[in-house]
Amino acid sequence: MDALSPTSKQSDKYRDWQRGYRAGYYAGSGDYGCYLHVPSVGGSSSYKSGYRAGYKAGWKNHHCVA
């Protein structure tokens, strides 16, 4: 199997990850807390890991704003 050509399953996972990232970034951007607490979300494992990554990124940009 060619590792460079993603299977449809992999691209589905990637799409899930991107959706999770966008949702997480949006949520993280609204979290002004000084301590990172990523809420747990439902969905596939790809969605969840994307959400966590996005949440952290959004939170880093906005956390601890007085």
C-alpha atoms as a PDB file:
ATOM      1  CA  MET A   1       0.000   0.000   0.000  1.00  0.00           C
ATOM      2  CA  ASP A   2       1.263   3.464  -0.869  1.00  0.00           C
ATOM      3  CA  ALA A   3       1.665   5.486   2.319  1.00  0.00           C
ATOM      4  CA  LEU A   4       1.529   8.755   0.414  1.00  0.00           C
ATOM      5  CA  SER A   5      -1.946   8.316  -0.987  1.00  0.00           C
ATOM      6  CA  PRO A   6      -4.398   8.799   1.873  1.00  0.00           C
ATOM      7  CA  THR A   7      -7.273   6.377   2.007  1.00  0.00           C
ATOM      8  CA  SER A   8     -10.769   7.779   2.269  1.00  0.00           C
ATOM      9  CA  LYS A   9     -10.761   6.804   5.932  1.00  0.00           C
ATOM     10  CA  GLN A  10      -7.696   8.938   6.564  1.00  0.00           C
ATOM     11  CA  SER A  11      -9.184  11.950   4.810  1.00  0.00           C
ATOM     12  CA  ASP A  12     -12.366  11.513   6.854  1.00  0.00           C
ATOM     13  CA  LYS A  13     -10.224  11.536   9.972  1.00  0.00           C
ATOM     14  CA  TYR A  14      -8.460  14.654   8.789  1.00  0.00           C
ATOM     15  CA  ARG A  15     -11.764  16.372   8.095  1.00  0.00           C
ATOM     16  CA  ASP A  16     -12.974  15.407  11.554  1.00  0.00           C
ATOM     17  CA  TRP A  17      -9.760  16.774  13.025  1.00  0.00           C
ATOM     18  CA  GLN A  18     -10.182  20.073  11.186  1.00  0.00           C
ATOM     19  CA  ARG A  19     -13.804  20.412  12.297  1.00  0.00           C
ATOM     20  CA  GLY A  20     -12.748  19.726  15.867  1.00  0.00           C
ATOM     21  CA  TYR A  21      -9.910  22.228  15.610  1.00  0.00           C
ATOM     22  CA  ARG A  22     -12.196  24.995  14.385  1.00  0.00           C
ATOM     23  CA  ALA A  23     -14.777  24.306  17.072  1.00  0.00           C
ATOM     24  CA  GLY A  24     -12.095  24.101  19.737  1.00  0.00           C
ATOM     25  CA  TYR A  25     -10.387  27.276  18.599  1.00  0.00           C
ATOM     26  CA  TYR A  26     -13.664  29.134  18.719  1.00  0.00           C
ATOM     27  CA  ALA A  27     -14.426  27.825  22.198  1.00  0.00           C
ATOM     28  CA  GLY A  28     -10.888  28.403  23.447  1.00  0.00           C
ATOM     29  CA  SER A  29     -10.937  31.972  22.183  1.00  0.00           C
ATOM     30  CA  GLY A  30     -13.850  32.666  24.488  1.00  0.00           C
ATOM     31  CA  ASP A  31     -12.153  31.145  27.515  1.00  0.00           C
ATOM     32  CA  TYR A  32     -10.518  33.979  29.449  1.00  0.00           C
ATOM     33  CA  GLY A  33      -9.491  31.798  32.365  1.00  0.00           C
ATOM     34  CA  CYS A  34      -5.883  31.772  33.538  1.00  0.00           C
ATOM     35  CA  TYR A  35      -5.798  27.986  33.694  1.00  0.00           C
ATOM     36  CA  LEU A  36      -6.349  25.882  30.622  1.00  0.00           C
ATOM     37  CA  HIS A  37      -9.281  23.542  31.049  1.00  0.00           C
ATOM     38  CA  VAL A  38     -10.358  21.902  27.831  1.00  0.00           C
ATOM     39  CA  PRO A  39     -13.955  20.695  28.130  1.00  0.00           C
ATOM     40  CA  SER A  40     -14.570  17.164  26.975  1.00  0.00           C
ATOM     41  CA  VAL A  41     -16.496  16.830  23.736  1.00  0.00           C
ATOM     42  CA  GLY A  42     -18.155  13.950  22.003  1.00  0.00           C
ATOM     43  CA  GLY A  43     -17.288  12.702  18.559  1.00  0.00           C
ATOM     44  CA  SER A  44     -14.562  10.639  16.959  1.00  0.00           C
ATOM     45  CA  SER A  45     -11.074  10.485  18.389  1.00  0.00           C
ATOM     46  CA  SER A  46      -9.853  12.643  15.497  1.00  0.00           C
ATOM     47  CA  TYR A  47     -12.486  15.260  16.292  1.00  0.00           C
ATOM     48  CA  LYS A  48     -11.519  15.211  19.962  1.00  0.00           C
ATOM     49  CA  SER A  49      -7.801  15.598  19.326  1.00  0.00           C
ATOM     50  CA  GLY A  50      -8.470  18.421  16.875  1.00  0.00           C
ATOM     51  CA  TYR A  51     -10.729  20.082  19.407  1.00  0.00           C
ATOM     52  CA  ARG A  52      -8.069  19.888  22.099  1.00  0.00           C
ATOM     53  CA  ALA A  53      -5.405  21.328  19.796  1.00  0.00           C
ATOM     54  CA  GLY A  54      -7.689  24.127  18.623  1.00  0.00           C
ATOM     55  CA  TYR A  55      -8.848  24.937  22.120  1.00  0.00           C
ATOM     56  CA  LYS A  56      -5.277  25.297  23.356  1.00  0.00           C
ATOM     57  CA  ALA A  57      -4.371  27.505  20.423  1.00  0.00           C
ATOM     58  CA  GLY A  58      -7.407  29.755  20.873  1.00  0.00           C
ATOM     59  CA  TRP A  59      -6.876  29.922  24.628  1.00  0.00           C
ATOM     60  CA  LYS A  60      -3.199  30.832  24.278  1.00  0.00           C
ATOM     61  CA  ASN A  61      -4.163  33.871  22.214  1.00  0.00           C
ATOM     62  CA  HIS A  62      -6.731  35.134  24.683  1.00  0.00           C
ATOM     63  CA  HIS A  63      -6.169  33.768  28.175  1.00  0.00           C
ATOM     64  CA  CYS A  64      -5.847  35.935  31.242  1.00  0.00           C
ATOM     65  CA  VAL A  65      -7.236  39.083  29.689  1.00  0.00           C
ATOM     66  CA  ALA A  66      -8.285  41.301  32.561  1.00  0.00           C
END
